[in-house]
Amino acid sequence: MIKRQSNDDGSEAKKRALEYLCTQHVLTLATHGKGGVWSAALYYVNVDFKLIFLSAPSTRHVKNLVGNSHVAVSINENNIEWTTIRGLQFEAEVEQITDPSEIAEVQVCYANRFPVIGSQAPAEITKALSRVNWYVCNPTLMYFIDNSLGLGHRDLIILD
């Protein structure tokens, strides 16, 4: 395994990674299943390092999750300058959220971050939301890439 490449004990890197996670909105989820490999760009809301997303059961990435909940995820910006490349790469396990009280809780979090799905949501959005399931992505191995600290700099983020 690649060791953390910073001089701190990991707490500063973890803090920077969480701050970065809070500033972004889209993750790329890579799955593998009977249909092969697939990736999907999804909006998310985070609770610490756990990421909540929604998706329709008919999508290829959700069908893949049914047989294999182990995924790879990346979150990054579209930068042209190498010194500004930053992002997260991680492995995770994804679970569908089925408890009604938990679903209500994550819907509030999601609506706070994305007001378009809140109480004033357009009819088209409301209809689409009735056909989705909610998922939590639990990272198991995470790296934070930050080229502002040097070309190829990455920190292993120790998750509690």
C-alpha atoms as a PDB file:
ATOM      1  CA  MET A   1       0.000   0.000   0.000  1.00  0.00           C
ATOM      2  CA  ILE A   2       1.211   3.524  -0.734  1.00  0.00           C
ATOM      3  CA  LYS A   3       2.013   5.437   2.413  1.00  0.00           C
ATOM      4  CA  ARG A   4       0.809   8.925   3.201  1.00  0.00           C
ATOM      5  CA  GLN A   5       3.127  11.394   1.511  1.00  0.00           C
ATOM      6  CA  SER A   6       2.761  14.327   3.869  1.00  0.00           C
ATOM      7  CA  ASN A   7       4.688  15.104   7.016  1.00  0.00           C
ATOM      8  CA  ASP A   8       1.685  15.506   9.293  1.00  0.00           C
ATOM      9  CA  ASP A   9      -0.041  12.798  11.313  1.00  0.00           C
ATOM     10  CA  GLY A  10      -2.903  12.687   8.844  1.00  0.00           C
ATOM     11  CA  SER A  11      -5.259  15.056  10.651  1.00  0.00           C
ATOM     12  CA  GLU A  12      -4.432  18.057   8.427  1.00  0.00           C
ATOM     13  CA  ALA A  13      -4.834  15.982   5.268  1.00  0.00           C
ATOM     14  CA  LYS A  14      -8.133  14.609   6.569  1.00  0.00           C
ATOM     15  CA  LYS A  15      -9.346  18.130   7.339  1.00  0.00           C
ATOM     16  CA  ARG A  16      -8.361  19.360   3.844  1.00  0.00           C
ATOM     17  CA  ALA A  17     -10.032  16.329   2.236  1.00  0.00           C
ATOM     18  CA  LEU A  18     -13.295  16.918   4.112  1.00  0.00           C
ATOM     19  CA  GLU A  19     -13.254  20.629   3.240  1.00  0.00           C
ATOM     20  CA  TYR A  20     -12.741  19.682  -0.408  1.00  0.00           C
ATOM     21  CA  LEU A  21     -15.569  17.135  -0.269  1.00  0.00           C
ATOM     22  CA  CYS A  22     -17.914  19.823   1.063  1.00  0.00           C
ATOM     23  CA  THR A  23     -17.115  22.182  -1.841  1.00  0.00           C
ATOM     24  CA  GLN A  24     -17.915  19.713  -4.606  1.00  0.00           C
ATOM     25  CA  HIS A  25     -21.286  18.416  -5.808  1.00  0.00           C
ATOM     26  CA  VAL A  26     -20.718  15.537  -8.236  1.00  0.00           C
ATOM     27  CA  LEU A  27     -19.056  12.167  -7.750  1.00  0.00           C
ATOM     28  CA  THR A  28     -18.179   9.597 -10.384  1.00  0.00           C
ATOM     29  CA  LEU A  29     -19.280   6.129  -9.305  1.00  0.00           C
ATOM     30  CA  ALA A  30     -17.625   3.145 -10.988  1.00  0.00           C
ATOM     31  CA  THR A  31     -19.430  -0.192 -10.687  1.00  0.00           C
ATOM     32  CA  HIS A  32     -19.016  -3.721 -11.977  1.00  0.00           C
ATOM     33  CA  GLY A  33     -21.731  -6.264 -12.597  1.00  0.00           C
ATOM     34  CA  LYS A  34     -23.154  -8.788 -15.054  1.00  0.00           C
ATOM     35  CA  GLY A  35     -23.332  -6.096 -17.722  1.00  0.00           C
ATOM     36  CA  GLY A  36     -19.659  -5.225 -17.258  1.00  0.00           C
ATOM     37  CA  VAL A  37     -18.104  -2.086 -15.853  1.00  0.00           C
ATOM     38  CA  TRP A  38     -19.921   1.236 -15.788  1.00  0.00           C
ATOM     39  CA  SER A  39     -19.504   4.721 -14.410  1.00  0.00           C
ATOM     40  CA  ALA A  40     -22.046   7.388 -13.586  1.00  0.00           C
ATOM     41  CA  ALA A  41     -21.825  11.022 -12.526  1.00  0.00           C
ATOM     42  CA  LEU A  42     -24.130  11.625  -9.559  1.00  0.00           C
ATOM     43  CA  TYR A  43     -24.956  14.552  -7.298  1.00  0.00           C
ATOM     44  CA  TYR A  44     -24.191  13.829  -3.654  1.00  0.00           C
ATOM     45  CA  VAL A  45     -24.496  15.271  -0.198  1.00  0.00           C
ATOM     46  CA  ASN A  46     -21.987  14.240   2.421  1.00  0.00           C
ATOM     47  CA  VAL A  47     -22.318  13.535   6.113  1.00  0.00           C
ATOM     48  CA  ASP A  48     -18.688  13.590   7.195  1.00  0.00           C
ATOM     49  CA  PHE A  49     -17.076  11.186   4.691  1.00  0.00           C
ATOM     50  CA  LYS A  50     -20.273   9.241   3.944  1.00  0.00           C
ATOM     51  CA  LEU A  51     -21.842  10.242   0.644  1.00  0.00           C
ATOM     52  CA  ILE A  52     -25.582  10.122  -0.010  1.00  0.00           C
ATOM     53  CA  PHE A  53     -26.909   9.913  -3.550  1.00  0.00           C
ATOM     54  CA  LEU A  54     -30.128   8.975  -5.279  1.00  0.00           C
ATOM     55  CA  SER A  55     -30.700   6.971  -8.421  1.00  0.00           C
ATOM     56  CA  ALA A  56     -33.380   5.038 -10.243  1.00  0.00           C
ATOM     57  CA  PRO A  57     -33.364   1.244  -9.803  1.00  0.00           C
ATOM     58  CA  SER A  58     -33.429   0.839 -13.589  1.00  0.00           C
ATOM     59  CA  THR A  59     -30.016   2.457 -14.113  1.00  0.00           C
ATOM     60  CA  ARG A  60     -27.084   0.316 -15.106  1.00  0.00           C
ATOM     61  CA  HIS A  61     -24.960   1.383 -12.135  1.00  0.00           C
ATOM     62  CA  VAL A  62     -27.716   0.485  -9.640  1.00  0.00           C
ATOM     63  CA  LYS A  63     -28.282  -2.872 -11.336  1.00  0.00           C
ATOM     64  CA  ASN A  64     -24.548  -3.489 -10.931  1.00  0.00           C
ATOM     65  CA  LEU A  65     -24.775  -2.593  -7.221  1.00  0.00           C
ATOM     66  CA  VAL A  66     -27.322  -5.354  -6.638  1.00  0.00           C
ATOM     67  CA  GLY A  67     -24.687  -8.007  -7.272  1.00  0.00           C
ATOM     68  CA  ASN A  68     -21.572  -6.114  -6.216  1.00  0.00           C
ATOM     69  CA  SER A  69     -21.735  -3.241  -3.737  1.00  0.00           C
ATOM     70  CA  HIS A  70     -17.949  -2.658  -3.839  1.00  0.00           C
ATOM     71  CA  VAL A  71     -17.268   0.451  -5.942  1.00  0.00           C
ATOM     72  CA  ALA A  72     -14.624   2.979  -6.890  1.00  0.00           C
ATOM     73  CA  VAL A  73     -15.398   6.676  -6.629  1.00  0.00           C
ATOM     74  CA  SER A  74     -13.665   9.836  -7.743  1.00  0.00           C
ATOM     75  CA  ILE A  75     -14.467  13.463  -7.098  1.00  0.00           C
ATOM     76  CA  ASN A  76     -12.487  16.057  -8.983  1.00  0.00           C
ATOM     77  CA  GLU A  77     -12.583  19.363 -10.777  1.00  0.00           C
ATOM     78  CA  ASN A  78     -11.960  19.918 -14.476  1.00  0.00           C
ATOM     79  CA  ASN A  79      -8.622  21.774 -14.349  1.00  0.00           C
ATOM     80  CA  ILE A  80      -6.214  22.554 -17.142  1.00  0.00           C
ATOM     81  CA  GLU A  81      -3.240  23.580 -14.977  1.00  0.00           C
ATOM     82  CA  TRP A  82      -1.485  20.601 -13.387  1.00  0.00           C
ATOM     83  CA  THR A  83      -0.729  22.617 -10.245  1.00  0.00           C
ATOM     84  CA  THR A  84      -4.450  23.013  -9.549  1.00  0.00           C
ATOM     85  CA  ILE A  85      -5.398  19.339  -9.848  1.00  0.00           C
ATOM     86  CA  ARG A  86      -7.106  18.187  -6.660  1.00  0.00           C
ATOM     87  CA  GLY A  87      -9.517  15.406  -5.954  1.00  0.00           C
ATOM     88  CA  LEU A  88     -10.518  12.326  -4.029  1.00  0.00           C
ATOM     89  CA  GLN A  89     -10.147   8.707  -5.108  1.00  0.00           C
ATOM     90  CA  PHE A  90     -11.595   5.947  -3.012  1.00  0.00           C
ATOM     91  CA  GLU A  91     -13.003   2.475  -2.650  1.00  0.00           C
ATOM     92  CA  ALA A  92     -16.342   2.129  -0.915  1.00  0.00           C
ATOM     93  CA  GLU A  93     -19.297  -0.073  -0.117  1.00  0.00           C
ATOM     94  CA  VAL A  94     -22.717   1.181  -1.176  1.00  0.00           C
ATOM     95  CA  GLU A  95     -25.948   0.357   0.646  1.00  0.00           C
ATOM     96  CA  GLN A  96     -29.507   1.244  -0.241  1.00  0.00           C
ATOM     97  CA  ILE A  97     -31.236   3.262   2.467  1.00  0.00           C
ATOM     98  CA  THR A  98     -34.547   1.556   3.198  1.00  0.00           C
ATOM     99  CA  ASP A  99     -35.585   2.819   6.642  1.00  0.00           C
ATOM    100  CA  PRO A 100     -38.329   5.458   6.116  1.00  0.00           C
ATOM    101  CA  SER A 101     -37.027   7.710   8.911  1.00  0.00           C
ATOM    102  CA  GLU A 102     -33.496   7.612   7.468  1.00  0.00           C
ATOM    103  CA  ILE A 103     -34.867   8.376   4.001  1.00  0.00           C
ATOM    104  CA  ALA A 104     -36.729  11.396   5.392  1.00  0.00           C
ATOM    105  CA  GLU A 105     -33.535  12.552   7.101  1.00  0.00           C
ATOM    106  CA  VAL A 106     -31.364  12.279   3.974  1.00  0.00           C
ATOM    107  CA  GLN A 107     -34.039  13.964   1.864  1.00  0.00           C
ATOM    108  CA  VAL A 108     -33.825  16.998   4.148  1.00  0.00           C
ATOM    109  CA  CYS A 109     -30.014  17.043   3.889  1.00  0.00           C
ATOM    110  CA  TYR A 110     -30.207  16.692   0.119  1.00  0.00           C
ATOM    111  CA  ALA A 111     -32.855  19.425  -0.227  1.00  0.00           C
ATOM    112  CA  ASN A 112     -30.726  21.763   1.898  1.00  0.00           C
ATOM    113  CA  ARG A 113     -27.834  21.313  -0.517  1.00  0.00           C
ATOM    114  CA  PHE A 114     -29.962  21.153  -3.673  1.00  0.00           C
ATOM    115  CA  PRO A 115     -33.047  23.339  -3.073  1.00  0.00           C
ATOM    116  CA  VAL A 116     -34.533  22.349  -6.440  1.00  0.00           C
ATOM    117  CA  ILE A 117     -35.765  19.117  -4.820  1.00  0.00           C
ATOM    118  CA  GLY A 118     -37.273  20.837  -1.773  1.00  0.00           C
ATOM    119  CA  SER A 119     -40.864  21.734  -1.049  1.00  0.00           C
ATOM    120  CA  GLN A 120     -41.000  24.109  -4.029  1.00  0.00           C
ATOM    121  CA  ALA A 121     -39.728  21.485  -6.488  1.00  0.00           C
ATOM    122  CA  PRO A 122     -41.163  21.604 -10.009  1.00  0.00           C
ATOM    123  CA  ALA A 123     -43.664  18.831 -10.828  1.00  0.00           C
ATOM    124  CA  GLU A 124     -41.130  17.137 -13.115  1.00  0.00           C
ATOM    125  CA  ILE A 125     -38.607  16.860 -10.268  1.00  0.00           C
ATOM    126  CA  THR A 126     -41.237  15.649  -7.785  1.00  0.00           C
ATOM    127  CA  LYS A 127     -42.337  12.951 -10.217  1.00  0.00           C
ATOM    128  CA  ALA A 128     -38.742  11.846 -10.830  1.00  0.00           C
ATOM    129  CA  LEU A 129     -38.038  11.696  -7.082  1.00  0.00           C
ATOM    130  CA  SER A 130     -40.918   9.271  -6.621  1.00  0.00           C
ATOM    131  CA  ARG A 131     -39.050   6.758  -8.805  1.00  0.00           C
ATOM    132  CA  VAL A 132     -35.637   6.793  -7.129  1.00  0.00           C
ATOM    133  CA  ASN A 133     -33.952   5.043  -4.251  1.00  0.00           C
ATOM    134  CA  TRP A 134     -31.486   6.559  -1.812  1.00  0.00           C
ATOM    135  CA  TYR A 135     -27.995   5.159  -1.257  1.00  0.00           C
ATOM    136  CA  VAL A 136     -25.119   5.714   1.131  1.00  0.00           C
ATOM    137  CA  CYS A 137     -21.554   5.297  -0.039  1.00  0.00           C
ATOM    138  CA  ASN A 138     -19.236   4.271   2.828  1.00  0.00           C
ATOM    139  CA  PRO A 139     -15.549   4.792   1.923  1.00  0.00           C
ATOM    140  CA  THR A 140     -13.125   2.065   2.982  1.00  0.00           C
ATOM    141  CA  LEU A 141      -9.901   3.411   1.414  1.00  0.00           C
ATOM    142  CA  MET A 142      -9.395   7.047   0.428  1.00  0.00           C
ATOM    143  CA  TYR A 143      -6.709   9.237  -1.095  1.00  0.00           C
ATOM    144  CA  PHE A 144      -6.700  13.010  -1.467  1.00  0.00           C
ATOM    145  CA  ILE A 145      -4.728  14.229  -4.471  1.00  0.00           C
ATOM    146  CA  ASP A 146      -3.446  17.810  -4.274  1.00  0.00           C
ATOM    147  CA  ASN A 147      -0.919  18.932  -6.861  1.00  0.00           C
ATOM    148  CA  SER A 148      -0.668  22.358  -5.218  1.00  0.00           C
ATOM    149  CA  LEU A 149       1.558  20.514  -2.726  1.00  0.00           C
ATOM    150  CA  GLY A 150       3.693  18.983  -5.507  1.00  0.00           C
ATOM    151  CA  LEU A 151       3.220  16.970  -8.673  1.00  0.00           C
ATOM    152  CA  GLY A 152       1.405  13.730  -7.864  1.00  0.00           C
ATOM    153  CA  HIS A 153       1.052  14.549  -4.161  1.00  0.00           C
ATOM    154  CA  ARG A 154      -1.517  12.384  -2.461  1.00  0.00           C
ATOM    155  CA  ASP A 155      -2.427  11.661   1.126  1.00  0.00           C
ATOM    156  CA  LEU A 156      -3.918   8.482   2.503  1.00  0.00           C
ATOM    157  CA  ILE A 157      -6.955   9.538   4.510  1.00  0.00           C
ATOM    158  CA  ILE A 158      -7.407   7.449   7.627  1.00  0.00           C
ATOM    159  CA  LEU A 159     -11.125   6.890   8.117  1.00  0.00           C
ATOM    160  CA  ASP A 160     -12.451   6.157  11.609  1.00  0.00           C
END
